[in-house]
């Protein structure tokens, strides 16, 4: 994305659709420079190339996180107070100087696209869970398996099965109105319920009960996040997909976890029939996420039949299985 020439070479002339899903999701201040390049400069390049190539419709995958400033109240130097809100496409977005760079750059992505003359549709998924996730919520699964997740804030978030998000993208590409924004929401989940589901799956996979994370006051978690930021001086740790990176739990992550909210997908439902699966669908997605996150970091001790199932499910070779699974 940051190499405009390479992006232009890979983009065909007059294609019907261009899906821009690339994003840097790091949440550490030392990684802001790289995140700015990917999320802001990369989007500028994508818009420029699509204008040059006369692309039919530009599809931008943004995030519900652009609205997270609306989930807190700020009073001078005091710590922000959480408030429960229903997020819609009209909610307050991240200002250009917002302190969480991920929220800020995702909001700037949208402004870049909206300022162009492209036929675009912007999609804002809520918290996505499902197969192939080992960096976002899958990271918490690995931390739990290694007894490194000691606490979480007690709040309510909105989770959506990745299958629903993919289907929503295709429907929006064809039926979405030009130059419109749509939230792709899911099912409300208490963080304690989420952790309980993760624990059940970790226990199922590794054969033993992990340490139980406790509900910790937000102020204490924020303080611990500040300490973590001060101790950790590796700007690439958050973007490295390694067990060592799981040791990080910075202040920005605490903020994202504490942004209690529900979402309204009524606009997407009316426009192109978007419908997220129910509670059971999210539970299934958490199960698939746990399988993938632990299998790809060598944290599974499994019987032969489970190995065969994972090989088939995730298209792993026999050599990859032997390398990744502890058997």
Protein backbone atom coordinates (compact mmCIF):
# COMPACT_ATOMS: atom_id res chain seq x y z
CA UNK A 1 0.00 0.00 0.00
CA UNK A 2 2.81 2.46 0.73
CA UNK A 3 4.49 1.65 -2.61
CA UNK A 4 2.28 3.43 -5.12
CA UNK A 5 4.10 2.03 -8.15
CA UNK A 6 3.68 -1.56 -6.97
CA UNK A 7 0.03 -0.92 -6.15
CA UNK A 8 -0.62 0.58 -9.58
CA UNK A 9 1.06 -2.37 -11.30
CA UNK A 10 -1.16 -4.80 -9.38
CA UNK A 11 -4.42 -2.93 -10.08
CA UNK A 12 -6.20 -3.75 -13.37
CA UNK A 13 -7.74 -1.07 -15.55
CA UNK A 14 -11.47 -0.38 -15.12
CA UNK A 15 -12.08 -3.13 -12.57
CA UNK A 16 -15.60 -3.24 -11.14
CA UNK A 17 -14.49 -3.11 -7.51
CA UNK A 18 -11.43 -2.30 -5.41
CA UNK A 19 -11.55 -3.63 -1.84
CA UNK A 20 -9.26 -1.72 0.53
CA UNK A 21 -8.96 -3.92 3.62
CA UNK A 22 -5.30 -3.26 4.47
CA UNK A 23 -4.69 -1.64 7.86
CA UNK A 24 -2.08 -1.40 10.57
CA UNK A 25 -3.83 -2.16 13.87
CA UNK A 26 -0.88 -1.56 16.24
CA UNK A 27 -1.76 0.21 19.48
CA UNK A 28 1.58 1.51 20.74
CA UNK A 29 2.86 5.06 20.39
CA UNK A 30 6.25 3.94 19.11
CA UNK A 31 4.49 2.33 16.14
CA UNK A 32 2.54 5.45 15.13
CA UNK A 33 4.91 6.38 12.30
CA UNK A 34 4.49 3.04 10.52
CA UNK A 35 0.76 3.08 11.21
CA UNK A 36 0.47 6.54 9.64
CA UNK A 37 2.28 5.32 6.53
CA UNK A 38 0.05 2.29 6.09
CA UNK A 39 -3.33 3.71 7.10
CA UNK A 40 -3.02 7.27 5.77
CA UNK A 41 -0.43 7.25 3.00
CA UNK A 42 -1.57 3.80 1.87
CA UNK A 43 -5.16 5.02 1.54
CA UNK A 44 -4.04 8.11 -0.38
CA UNK A 45 -2.17 5.83 -2.78
CA UNK A 46 -5.15 3.53 -3.16
CA UNK A 47 -7.51 6.42 -3.94
CA UNK A 48 -5.06 7.91 -6.43
CA UNK A 49 -4.50 4.61 -8.22
CA UNK A 50 -8.24 3.87 -8.41
CA UNK A 51 -8.91 7.27 -9.92
CA UNK A 52 -6.15 6.68 -12.45
CA UNK A 53 -7.39 3.18 -13.29
CA UNK A 54 -11.05 4.25 -13.46
CA UNK A 55 -12.23 1.70 -10.91
CA UNK A 56 -15.99 1.21 -10.75
CA UNK A 57 -16.47 1.24 -6.96
CA UNK A 58 -14.03 1.76 -4.08
CA UNK A 59 -14.81 -0.35 -0.99
CA UNK A 60 -13.14 0.86 2.21
CA UNK A 61 -13.10 -1.36 5.28
CA UNK A 62 -12.94 1.05 8.20
CA UNK A 63 -13.76 0.22 11.84
CA UNK A 64 -16.32 0.88 14.53
CA UNK A 65 -13.33 2.25 16.47
CA UNK A 66 -13.69 5.58 14.64
CA UNK A 67 -16.62 6.27 16.99
CA UNK A 68 -14.90 5.28 20.25
CA UNK A 69 -14.44 8.90 21.45
CA UNK A 70 -18.23 8.90 21.82
CA UNK A 71 -17.98 6.11 24.40
CA UNK A 72 -16.09 8.27 26.93
CA UNK A 73 -16.54 11.63 28.61
CA UNK A 74 -13.47 13.85 29.01
CA UNK A 75 -13.09 16.41 31.80
CA UNK A 76 -9.74 18.20 31.69
CA UNK A 77 -6.85 16.17 33.09
CA UNK A 78 -9.11 13.62 34.78
CA UNK A 79 -9.23 10.04 33.43
CA UNK A 80 -12.04 9.63 30.87
CA UNK A 81 -15.35 8.31 32.18
CA UNK A 82 -17.06 5.52 30.29
CA UNK A 83 -20.65 5.89 29.12
CA UNK A 84 -22.90 3.31 27.48
CA UNK A 85 -23.97 4.38 24.00
CA UNK A 86 -25.58 3.00 20.86
CA UNK A 87 -23.24 3.78 17.98
CA UNK A 88 -24.75 4.80 14.64
CA UNK A 89 -23.34 6.33 11.48
CA UNK A 90 -24.12 9.75 13.00
CA UNK A 91 -22.06 9.26 16.18
CA UNK A 92 -19.06 11.45 17.04
CA UNK A 93 -15.89 10.37 15.24
CA UNK A 94 -12.25 10.56 16.29
CA UNK A 95 -10.80 14.08 15.91
CA UNK A 96 -7.60 14.60 13.92
CA UNK A 97 -5.58 14.92 17.14
CA UNK A 98 -7.15 12.01 19.06
CA UNK A 99 -4.63 10.29 21.33
CA UNK A 100 -5.33 6.71 20.17
CA UNK A 101 -3.59 6.68 16.81
CA UNK A 102 -5.47 3.68 15.44
CA UNK A 103 -8.85 5.41 15.93
CA UNK A 104 -7.42 8.66 14.53
CA UNK A 105 -5.93 7.10 11.38
CA UNK A 106 -9.06 5.07 10.62
CA UNK A 107 -11.14 8.25 10.79
CA UNK A 108 -8.62 10.00 8.51
CA UNK A 109 -8.89 7.10 6.06
CA UNK A 110 -12.58 7.82 5.73
CA UNK A 111 -11.98 11.55 5.18
CA UNK A 112 -9.47 10.81 2.40
CA UNK A 113 -11.97 8.60 0.59
CA UNK A 114 -14.89 10.98 1.14
CA UNK A 115 -12.86 13.88 -0.30
CA UNK A 116 -12.31 12.00 -3.58
CA UNK A 117 -14.61 11.86 -6.60
CA UNK A 118 -14.79 8.05 -6.46
CA UNK A 119 -17.96 6.00 -6.19
CA UNK A 120 -17.23 4.56 -2.75
CA UNK A 121 -18.87 2.63 0.07
CA UNK A 122 -17.38 2.71 3.58
CA UNK A 123 -18.02 -0.23 5.91
CA UNK A 124 -17.45 -0.11 9.67
CA UNK A 125 -17.42 -3.59 11.23
CA UNK A 126 -17.64 -3.94 14.98
CA UNK A 127 -15.28 -6.28 16.87
CA UNK A 128 -14.61 -9.16 14.46
CA UNK A 129 -14.03 -12.70 15.70
CA UNK A 130 -13.50 -15.89 13.74
CA UNK A 131 -11.08 -18.09 11.88
CA UNK A 132 -7.65 -16.77 10.80
CA UNK A 133 -7.45 -14.26 13.67
CA UNK A 134 -4.22 -14.58 15.65
CA UNK A 135 -3.41 -10.89 16.07
CA UNK A 136 -6.51 -9.24 17.47
CA UNK A 137 -8.80 -11.17 19.83
CA UNK A 138 -6.84 -14.33 19.03
CA UNK A 139 -3.92 -12.70 20.81
CA UNK A 140 -5.94 -12.68 24.04
CA UNK A 141 -6.53 -16.43 23.61
CA UNK A 142 -2.78 -17.06 23.49
CA UNK A 143 -2.17 -14.80 26.49
CA UNK A 144 -4.80 -16.74 28.42
CA UNK A 145 -3.28 -20.10 27.46
CA UNK A 146 0.07 -18.92 28.86
CA UNK A 147 -1.52 -17.40 31.99
CA UNK A 148 -0.41 -13.89 30.94
CA UNK A 149 -3.89 -12.35 30.78
CA UNK A 150 -4.38 -11.38 34.41
CA UNK A 151 -7.29 -9.00 34.12
CA UNK A 152 -9.83 -7.31 31.85
CA UNK A 153 -12.16 -4.33 32.33
CA UNK A 154 -15.77 -5.20 32.95
CA UNK A 155 -17.66 -3.75 30.03
CA UNK A 156 -19.89 -4.64 27.08
CA UNK A 157 -18.63 -4.77 23.49
CA UNK A 158 -20.21 -5.77 20.19
CA UNK A 159 -18.87 -8.85 18.40
CA UNK A 160 -19.58 -10.03 14.87
CA UNK A 161 -18.74 -13.28 13.11
CA UNK A 162 -16.20 -12.72 10.33
CA UNK A 163 -18.47 -14.66 7.95
CA UNK A 164 -21.17 -12.01 8.38
CA UNK A 165 -18.65 -9.25 7.70
CA UNK A 166 -17.48 -10.90 4.48
CA UNK A 167 -21.05 -11.40 3.29
CA UNK A 168 -21.83 -7.79 4.19
CA UNK A 169 -18.92 -6.60 2.04
CA UNK A 170 -20.18 -8.41 -1.03
CA UNK A 171 -23.75 -7.23 -0.55
CA UNK A 172 -22.66 -3.63 0.02
CA UNK A 173 -20.48 -3.69 -3.10
CA UNK A 174 -23.47 -4.55 -5.25
CA UNK A 175 -26.41 -2.97 -3.43
CA UNK A 176 -24.91 -0.23 -1.25
CA UNK A 177 -25.75 3.34 -2.14
CA UNK A 178 -22.92 5.43 -3.65
CA UNK A 179 -20.79 7.46 -1.22
CA UNK A 180 -22.50 6.04 1.89
CA UNK A 181 -21.23 4.60 5.18
CA UNK A 182 -22.62 1.50 6.88
CA UNK A 183 -22.01 -0.10 10.27
CA UNK A 184 -21.74 -3.90 10.26
CA UNK A 185 -22.64 -4.71 13.84
CA UNK A 186 -23.12 -7.95 15.69
CA UNK A 187 -24.08 -9.29 19.11
CA UNK A 188 -23.51 -7.54 22.48
CA UNK A 189 -21.15 -9.47 24.75
CA UNK A 190 -19.98 -8.72 28.27
CA UNK A 191 -16.20 -9.03 28.48
CA UNK A 192 -16.65 -11.52 31.32
CA UNK A 193 -18.80 -13.68 29.03
CA UNK A 194 -16.22 -13.39 26.25
CA UNK A 195 -13.43 -14.47 28.58
CA UNK A 196 -15.55 -17.40 29.78
CA UNK A 197 -16.03 -18.62 26.21
CA UNK A 198 -12.32 -18.24 25.49
CA UNK A 199 -11.46 -20.18 28.64
CA UNK A 200 -13.71 -23.07 27.66
CA UNK A 201 -12.00 -23.30 24.29
CA UNK A 202 -8.48 -23.02 25.68
CA UNK A 203 -9.31 -25.80 28.15
CA UNK A 204 -10.72 -27.92 25.29
CA UNK A 205 -7.62 -27.42 23.15
CA UNK A 206 -4.71 -27.64 25.58
CA UNK A 207 -6.33 -30.12 27.94
CA UNK A 208 -5.92 -28.06 31.11
CA UNK A 209 -7.61 -25.14 32.77
CA UNK A 210 -5.90 -21.77 32.13
CA UNK A 211 -5.57 -19.08 34.75
CA UNK A 212 -8.81 -17.17 35.20
CA UNK A 213 -8.52 -13.44 34.35
CA UNK A 214 -10.19 -11.19 36.90
CA UNK A 215 -12.38 -8.17 36.36
CA UNK A 216 -10.04 -5.29 37.18
CA UNK A 217 -11.00 -1.62 37.72
CA UNK A 218 -10.39 0.46 34.62
CA UNK A 219 -8.22 3.00 36.43
CA UNK A 220 -5.84 0.28 37.63
CA UNK A 221 -5.64 -1.29 34.18
CA UNK A 222 -4.90 2.11 32.64
CA UNK A 223 -2.05 2.62 35.11
CA UNK A 224 -0.63 -0.82 34.30
CA UNK A 225 -0.90 0.01 30.60
CA UNK A 226 1.13 3.19 31.12
CA UNK A 227 3.80 1.17 32.94
CA UNK A 228 3.84 -1.34 30.08
CA UNK A 229 4.31 1.47 27.55
CA UNK A 230 7.24 2.81 29.57
CA UNK A 231 8.93 -0.58 29.94
CA UNK A 232 8.50 -1.72 26.35
CA UNK A 233 10.71 0.12 23.86
CA UNK A 234 10.19 -2.16 20.83
CA UNK A 235 8.21 -0.14 18.24
CA UNK A 236 7.50 -3.23 16.14
CA UNK A 237 6.40 -5.55 18.95
CA UNK A 238 2.72 -4.95 18.34
CA UNK A 239 3.04 -5.78 14.63
CA UNK A 240 5.16 -8.91 15.15
CA UNK A 241 3.12 -12.09 15.15
CA UNK A 242 5.17 -13.86 17.83
CA UNK A 243 4.53 -15.13 21.35
CA UNK A 244 6.88 -12.43 22.64
CA UNK A 245 4.56 -9.76 21.27
CA UNK A 246 1.76 -11.14 23.45
CA UNK A 247 3.50 -9.82 26.56
CA UNK A 248 2.41 -6.32 25.60
CA UNK A 249 -0.86 -4.86 26.94
CA UNK A 250 -0.45 -1.10 26.37
CA UNK A 251 -2.68 1.76 27.42
CA UNK A 252 -4.32 2.09 23.99
CA UNK A 253 -5.45 -1.55 24.19
CA UNK A 254 -7.04 -0.84 27.57
CA UNK A 255 -8.95 2.06 26.03
CA UNK A 256 -10.25 -0.07 23.14
CA UNK A 257 -11.31 -2.83 25.53
CA UNK A 258 -13.12 -0.39 27.80
CA UNK A 259 -15.18 1.35 25.10
CA UNK A 260 -18.52 -0.12 26.12
CA UNK A 261 -21.12 0.16 23.41
CA UNK A 262 -23.75 -1.44 21.28
CA UNK A 263 -24.19 -0.79 17.58
CA UNK A 264 -27.07 -0.20 15.21
CA UNK A 265 -26.88 -1.82 11.75
CA UNK A 266 -30.34 -0.67 10.75
CA UNK A 267 -29.02 1.42 7.86
CA UNK A 268 -27.16 -1.58 6.39
CA UNK A 269 -30.18 -3.82 6.92
CA UNK A 270 -32.43 -1.46 4.98
CA UNK A 271 -29.92 -0.84 2.18
CA UNK A 272 -28.74 -4.37 1.37
CA UNK A 273 -30.31 -6.79 3.82
CA UNK A 274 -27.38 -7.09 6.22
CA UNK A 275 -28.12 -9.53 9.03
CA UNK A 276 -25.60 -10.70 11.62
CA UNK A 277 -25.83 -14.14 13.17
CA UNK A 278 -27.10 -14.51 16.71
CA UNK A 279 -25.26 -15.28 19.95
CA UNK A 280 -24.59 -18.88 18.89
CA UNK A 281 -22.91 -17.70 15.70
CA UNK A 282 -20.48 -15.54 17.68
CA UNK A 283 -19.75 -18.41 20.08
CA UNK A 284 -18.89 -20.61 17.08
CA UNK A 285 -16.62 -17.88 15.72
CA UNK A 286 -14.80 -17.69 19.08
CA UNK A 287 -14.25 -21.46 18.93
CA UNK A 288 -12.77 -21.27 15.41
CA UNK A 289 -10.61 -18.31 16.43
CA UNK A 290 -9.19 -20.21 19.41
CA UNK A 291 -8.39 -23.25 17.25
CA UNK A 292 -6.52 -21.15 14.73
CA UNK A 293 -4.74 -18.82 17.17
CA UNK A 294 -3.29 -21.65 19.25
CA UNK A 295 -2.54 -24.00 16.35
CA UNK A 296 -0.42 -21.40 14.60
CA UNK A 297 1.70 -20.71 17.66
CA UNK A 298 2.57 -24.26 18.71
CA UNK A 299 0.31 -24.25 21.77
CA UNK A 300 -1.84 -27.28 20.95
CA UNK A 301 -1.32 -30.73 22.38
CA UNK A 302 -3.87 -32.78 20.50
CA UNK A 303 -4.79 -36.36 19.64
CA UNK A 304 -4.28 -37.63 16.10
CA UNK A 305 -7.90 -37.14 15.04
CA UNK A 306 -7.82 -33.50 16.11
CA UNK A 307 -4.58 -32.95 14.18
CA UNK A 308 -6.20 -34.37 11.06
CA UNK A 309 -9.19 -32.08 11.54
CA UNK A 310 -6.96 -29.02 11.93
CA UNK A 311 -4.92 -29.95 8.86
CA UNK A 312 -8.06 -30.17 6.75
CA UNK A 313 -9.73 -27.13 8.31
CA UNK A 314 -6.79 -24.75 7.95
CA UNK A 315 -5.09 -26.26 4.89
CA UNK A 316 -1.86 -27.13 6.70
CA UNK A 317 0.75 -29.49 5.31
CA UNK A 318 1.99 -32.43 7.37
CA UNK A 319 5.31 -30.63 7.88
CA UNK A 320 3.53 -27.51 9.12
CA UNK A 321 1.52 -29.56 11.59
CA UNK A 322 4.64 -31.20 13.02
CA UNK A 323 6.27 -27.80 13.39
CA UNK A 324 3.32 -25.98 14.90
CA UNK A 325 1.74 -28.59 17.18
CA UNK A 326 3.40 -29.91 20.31
CA UNK A 327 2.73 -33.67 20.04
